[in-house]
Amino acid sequence: MAWRLTYFEEVANDIRDAKEWYKEKRPGLEKRFATATKATIRRIAIHYIMH
């Protein structure tokens, strides 16, 4: 069973800022970061008891 994960607006801001930073370093890298971030959030929601 997956839980809905909620987080502070600052988290969304930090993720957005990190995506921009990665994009500046190498265009396209922000997409890899976004994909990895979404996958991690999904895993946390599914395996919440471990976190």
PDB file of N, CA and C in Angstrom:
ATOM      1  N   MET A   1       0.842  -1.179   0.000  1.00  0.00           N
ATOM      2  CA  MET A   1       0.000   0.000   0.000  1.00  0.00           C
ATOM      3  C   MET A   1       0.887   1.243   0.000  1.00  0.00           C
ATOM      4  N   ALA A   2       0.637   2.141  -0.895  1.00  0.00           N
ATOM      5  CA  ALA A   2       1.404   3.381  -0.965  1.00  0.00           C
ATOM      6  C   ALA A   2       0.657   4.486  -0.232  1.00  0.00           C
ATOM      7  N   TRP A   3       1.398   5.272   0.480  1.00  0.00           N
ATOM      8  CA  TRP A   3       0.835   6.411   1.193  1.00  0.00           C
ATOM      9  C   TRP A   3       1.048   7.656   0.358  1.00  0.00           C
ATOM     10  N   ARG A   4       0.218   8.640   0.589  1.00  0.00           N
ATOM     11  CA  ARG A   4       0.412   9.925  -0.070  1.00  0.00           C
ATOM     12  C   ARG A   4       1.453  10.688   0.740  1.00  0.00           C
ATOM     13  N   LEU A   5       2.481  11.108   0.075  1.00  0.00           N
ATOM     14  CA  LEU A   5       3.564  11.827   0.736  1.00  0.00           C
ATOM     15  C   LEU A   5       3.361  13.317   0.521  1.00  0.00           C
ATOM     16  N   THR A   6       3.345  14.054   1.602  1.00  0.00           N
ATOM     17  CA  THR A   6       3.245  15.507   1.495  1.00  0.00           C
ATOM     18  C   THR A   6       4.512  16.110   2.074  1.00  0.00           C
ATOM     19  N   TYR A   7       4.881  17.263   1.548  1.00  0.00           N
ATOM     20  CA  TYR A   7       6.082  17.917   2.026  1.00  0.00           C
ATOM     21  C   TYR A   7       5.913  19.425   1.932  1.00  0.00           C
ATOM     22  N   PHE A   8       6.777  20.132   2.610  1.00  0.00           N
ATOM     23  CA  PHE A   8       6.709  21.582   2.661  1.00  0.00           C
ATOM     24  C   PHE A   8       7.013  22.199   1.302  1.00  0.00           C
ATOM     25  N   GLU A   9       6.493  23.378   1.079  1.00  0.00           N
ATOM     26  CA  GLU A   9       6.729  24.105  -0.165  1.00  0.00           C
ATOM     27  C   GLU A   9       8.225  24.310  -0.406  1.00  0.00           C
ATOM     28  N   GLU A  10       8.990  24.456   0.670  1.00  0.00           N
ATOM     29  CA  GLU A  10      10.436  24.642   0.546  1.00  0.00           C
ATOM     30  C   GLU A  10      11.091  23.451  -0.149  1.00  0.00           C
ATOM     31  N   VAL A  11      10.551  22.272   0.053  1.00  0.00           N
ATOM     32  CA  VAL A  11      11.101  21.085  -0.606  1.00  0.00           C
ATOM     33  C   VAL A  11      10.923  21.212  -2.118  1.00  0.00           C
ATOM     34  N   ALA A  12       9.734  21.585  -2.539  1.00  0.00           N
ATOM     35  CA  ALA A  12       9.472  21.775  -3.973  1.00  0.00           C
ATOM     36  C   ALA A  12      10.389  22.859  -4.538  1.00  0.00           C
ATOM     37  N   ASN A  13      10.600  23.922  -3.777  1.00  0.00           N
ATOM     38  CA  ASN A  13      11.497  24.995  -4.214  1.00  0.00           C
ATOM     39  C   ASN A  13      12.930  24.491  -4.348  1.00  0.00           C
ATOM     40  N   ASP A  14      13.371  23.700  -3.382  1.00  0.00           N
ATOM     41  CA  ASP A  14      14.734  23.158  -3.431  1.00  0.00           C
ATOM     42  C   ASP A  14      14.915  22.232  -4.635  1.00  0.00           C
ATOM     43  N   ILE A  15      13.910  21.422  -4.913  1.00  0.00           N
ATOM     44  CA  ILE A  15      13.979  20.522  -6.061  1.00  0.00           C
ATOM     45  C   ILE A  15      14.042  21.337  -7.354  1.00  0.00           C
ATOM     46  N   ARG A  16      13.226  22.358  -7.454  1.00  0.00           N
ATOM     47  CA  ARG A  16      13.235  23.219  -8.638  1.00  0.00           C
ATOM     48  C   ARG A  16      14.605  23.883  -8.815  1.00  0.00           C
ATOM     49  N   ASP A  17      15.155  24.396  -7.715  1.00  0.00           N
ATOM     50  CA  ASP A  17      16.472  25.038  -7.771  1.00  0.00           C
ATOM     51  C   ASP A  17      17.556  24.046  -8.180  1.00  0.00           C
ATOM     52  N   ALA A  18      17.473  22.829  -7.657  1.00  0.00           N
ATOM     53  CA  ALA A  18      18.459  21.802  -8.006  1.00  0.00           C
ATOM     54  C   ALA A  18      18.353  21.445  -9.488  1.00  0.00           C
ATOM     55  N   LYS A  19      17.129  21.352  -9.993  1.00  0.00           N
ATOM     56  CA  LYS A  19      16.959  21.068 -11.422  1.00  0.00           C
ATOM     57  C   LYS A  19      17.610  22.158 -12.268  1.00  0.00           C
ATOM     58  N   GLU A  20      17.445  23.403 -11.875  1.00  0.00           N
ATOM     59  CA  GLU A  20      18.077  24.521 -12.602  1.00  0.00           C
ATOM     60  C   GLU A  20      19.592  24.402 -12.563  1.00  0.00           C
ATOM     61  N   TRP A  21      20.126  24.068 -11.391  1.00  0.00           N
ATOM     62  CA  TRP A  21      21.576  23.935 -11.227  1.00  0.00           C
ATOM     63  C   TRP A  21      22.111  22.837 -12.148  1.00  0.00           C
ATOM     64  N   TYR A  22      21.437  21.680 -12.148  1.00  0.00           N
ATOM     65  CA  TYR A  22      21.864  20.583 -13.012  1.00  0.00           C
ATOM     66  C   TYR A  22      21.775  20.977 -14.480  1.00  0.00           C
ATOM     67  N   LYS A  23      20.733  21.707 -14.846  1.00  0.00           N
ATOM     68  CA  LYS A  23      20.568  22.153 -16.241  1.00  0.00           C
ATOM     69  C   LYS A  23      21.713  23.065 -16.662  1.00  0.00           C
ATOM     70  N   GLU A  24      22.147  23.939 -15.743  1.00  0.00           N
ATOM     71  CA  GLU A  24      23.266  24.838 -16.041  1.00  0.00           C
ATOM     72  C   GLU A  24      24.573  24.062 -16.209  1.00  0.00           C
ATOM     73  N   LYS A  25      24.723  22.985 -15.436  1.00  0.00           N
ATOM     74  CA  LYS A  25      25.949  22.191 -15.518  1.00  0.00           C
ATOM     75  C   LYS A  25      26.028  21.434 -16.840  1.00  0.00           C
ATOM     76  N   ARG A  26      24.904  20.831 -17.226  1.00  0.00           N
ATOM     77  CA  ARG A  26      24.848  20.095 -18.493  1.00  0.00           C
ATOM     78  C   ARG A  26      23.387  19.951 -18.901  1.00  0.00           C
ATOM     79  N   PRO A  27      22.987  20.586 -19.986  1.00  0.00           N
ATOM     80  CA  PRO A  27      21.602  20.499 -20.438  1.00  0.00           C
ATOM     81  C   PRO A  27      21.148  19.044 -20.567  1.00  0.00           C
ATOM     82  N   GLY A  28      19.979  18.770 -20.053  1.00  0.00           N
ATOM     83  CA  GLY A  28      19.424  17.420 -20.055  1.00  0.00           C
ATOM     84  C   GLY A  28      19.631  16.706 -18.739  1.00  0.00           C
ATOM     85  N   LEU A  29      20.651  17.105 -17.987  1.00  0.00           N
ATOM     86  CA  LEU A  29      20.931  16.457 -16.703  1.00  0.00           C
ATOM     87  C   LEU A  29      19.804  16.693 -15.714  1.00  0.00           C
ATOM     88  N   GLU A  30      19.106  17.816 -15.845  1.00  0.00           N
ATOM     89  CA  GLU A  30      17.986  18.110 -14.942  1.00  0.00           C
ATOM     90  C   GLU A  30      16.868  17.079 -15.100  1.00  0.00           C
ATOM     91  N   LYS A  31      16.725  16.508 -16.286  1.00  0.00           N
ATOM     92  CA  LYS A  31      15.698  15.480 -16.508  1.00  0.00           C
ATOM     93  C   LYS A  31      16.050  14.200 -15.762  1.00  0.00           C
ATOM     94  N   ARG A  32      17.322  13.853 -15.783  1.00  0.00           N
ATOM     95  CA  ARG A  32      17.764  12.665 -15.031  1.00  0.00           C
ATOM     96  C   ARG A  32      17.554  12.882 -13.535  1.00  0.00           C
ATOM     97  N   PHE A  33      17.866  14.097 -13.070  1.00  0.00           N
ATOM     98  CA  PHE A  33      17.666  14.420 -11.663  1.00  0.00           C
ATOM     99  C   PHE A  33      16.185  14.325 -11.304  1.00  0.00           C
ATOM    100  N   ALA A  34      15.319  14.889 -12.147  1.00  0.00           N
ATOM    101  CA  ALA A  34      13.879  14.868 -11.878  1.00  0.00           C
ATOM    102  C   ALA A  34      13.351  13.435 -11.834  1.00  0.00           C
ATOM    103  N   THR A  35      13.798  12.612 -12.763  1.00  0.00           N
ATOM    104  CA  THR A  35      13.371  11.210 -12.793  1.00  0.00           C
ATOM    105  C   THR A  35      13.810  10.476 -11.533  1.00  0.00           C
ATOM    106  N   ALA A  36      15.048  10.679 -11.134  1.00  0.00           N
ATOM    107  CA  ALA A  36      15.569  10.025  -9.927  1.00  0.00           C
ATOM    108  C   ALA A  36      14.853  10.523  -8.677  1.00  0.00           C
ATOM    109  N   THR A  37      14.551  11.816  -8.637  1.00  0.00           N
ATOM    110  CA  THR A  37      13.850  12.388  -7.482  1.00  0.00           C
ATOM    111  C   THR A  37      12.446  11.813  -7.364  1.00  0.00           C
ATOM    112  N   LYS A  38      11.725  11.746  -8.476  1.00  0.00           N
ATOM    113  CA  LYS A  38      10.370  11.181  -8.465  1.00  0.00           C
ATOM    114  C   LYS A  38      10.388   9.722  -8.029  1.00  0.00           C
ATOM    115  N   ALA A  39      11.353   8.962  -8.538  1.00  0.00           N
ATOM    116  CA  ALA A  39      11.461   7.545  -8.170  1.00  0.00           C
ATOM    117  C   ALA A  39      11.740   7.389  -6.678  1.00  0.00           C
ATOM    118  N   THR A  40      12.592   8.244  -6.146  1.00  0.00           N
ATOM    119  CA  THR A  40      12.915   8.189  -4.714  1.00  0.00           C
ATOM    120  C   THR A  40      11.695   8.531  -3.863  1.00  0.00           C
ATOM    121  N   ILE A  41      10.974   9.562  -4.243  1.00  0.00           N
ATOM    122  CA  ILE A  41       9.762   9.948  -3.503  1.00  0.00           C
ATOM    123  C   ILE A  41       8.741   8.808  -3.547  1.00  0.00           C
ATOM    124  N   ARG A  42       8.608   8.174  -4.714  1.00  0.00           N
ATOM    125  CA  ARG A  42       7.689   7.043  -4.853  1.00  0.00           C
ATOM    126  C   ARG A  42       8.097   5.896  -3.926  1.00  0.00           C
ATOM    127  N   ARG A  43       9.402   5.594  -3.876  1.00  0.00           N
ATOM    128  CA  ARG A  43       9.882   4.514  -2.996  1.00  0.00           C
ATOM    129  C   ARG A  43       9.628   4.845  -1.524  1.00  0.00           C
ATOM    130  N   ILE A  44       9.816   6.085  -1.146  1.00  0.00           N
ATOM    131  CA  ILE A  44       9.558   6.488   0.242  1.00  0.00           C
ATOM    132  C   ILE A  44       8.087   6.296   0.573  1.00  0.00           C
ATOM    133  N   ALA A  45       7.208   6.682  -0.342  1.00  0.00           N
ATOM    134  CA  ALA A  45       5.768   6.547  -0.107  1.00  0.00           C
ATOM    135  C   ALA A  45       5.364   5.082   0.023  1.00  0.00           C
ATOM    136  N   ILE A  46       5.986   4.213  -0.765  1.00  0.00           N
ATOM    137  CA  ILE A  46       5.648   2.795  -0.731  1.00  0.00           C
ATOM    138  C   ILE A  46       6.238   2.115   0.507  1.00  0.00           C
ATOM    139  N   HIS A  47       7.454   2.466   0.861  1.00  0.00           N
ATOM    140  CA  HIS A  47       8.161   1.815   1.958  1.00  0.00           C
ATOM    141  C   HIS A  47       8.314   2.758   3.148  1.00  0.00           C
ATOM    142  N   TYR A  48       7.268   3.476   3.461  1.00  0.00           N
ATOM    143  CA  TYR A  48       7.301   4.506   4.501  1.00  0.00           C
ATOM    144  C   TYR A  48       7.774   3.977   5.842  1.00  0.00           C
ATOM    145  N   ILE A  49       7.487   2.760   6.169  1.00  0.00           N
ATOM    146  CA  ILE A  49       7.815   2.210   7.479  1.00  0.00           C
ATOM    147  C   ILE A  49       9.328   2.149   7.694  1.00  0.00           C
ATOM    148  N   MET A  50      10.108   2.061   6.615  1.00  0.00           N
ATOM    149  CA  MET A  50      11.559   1.971   6.718  1.00  0.00           C
ATOM    150  C   MET A  50      12.200   3.343   6.923  1.00  0.00           C
ATOM    151  N   HIS A  51      11.452   4.402   6.674  1.00  0.00           N
ATOM    152  CA  HIS A  51      12.033   5.738   6.734  1.00  0.00           C
ATOM    153  C   HIS A  51      11.582   6.409   7.980  1.00  0.00           C
TER     154      HIS A  51
END
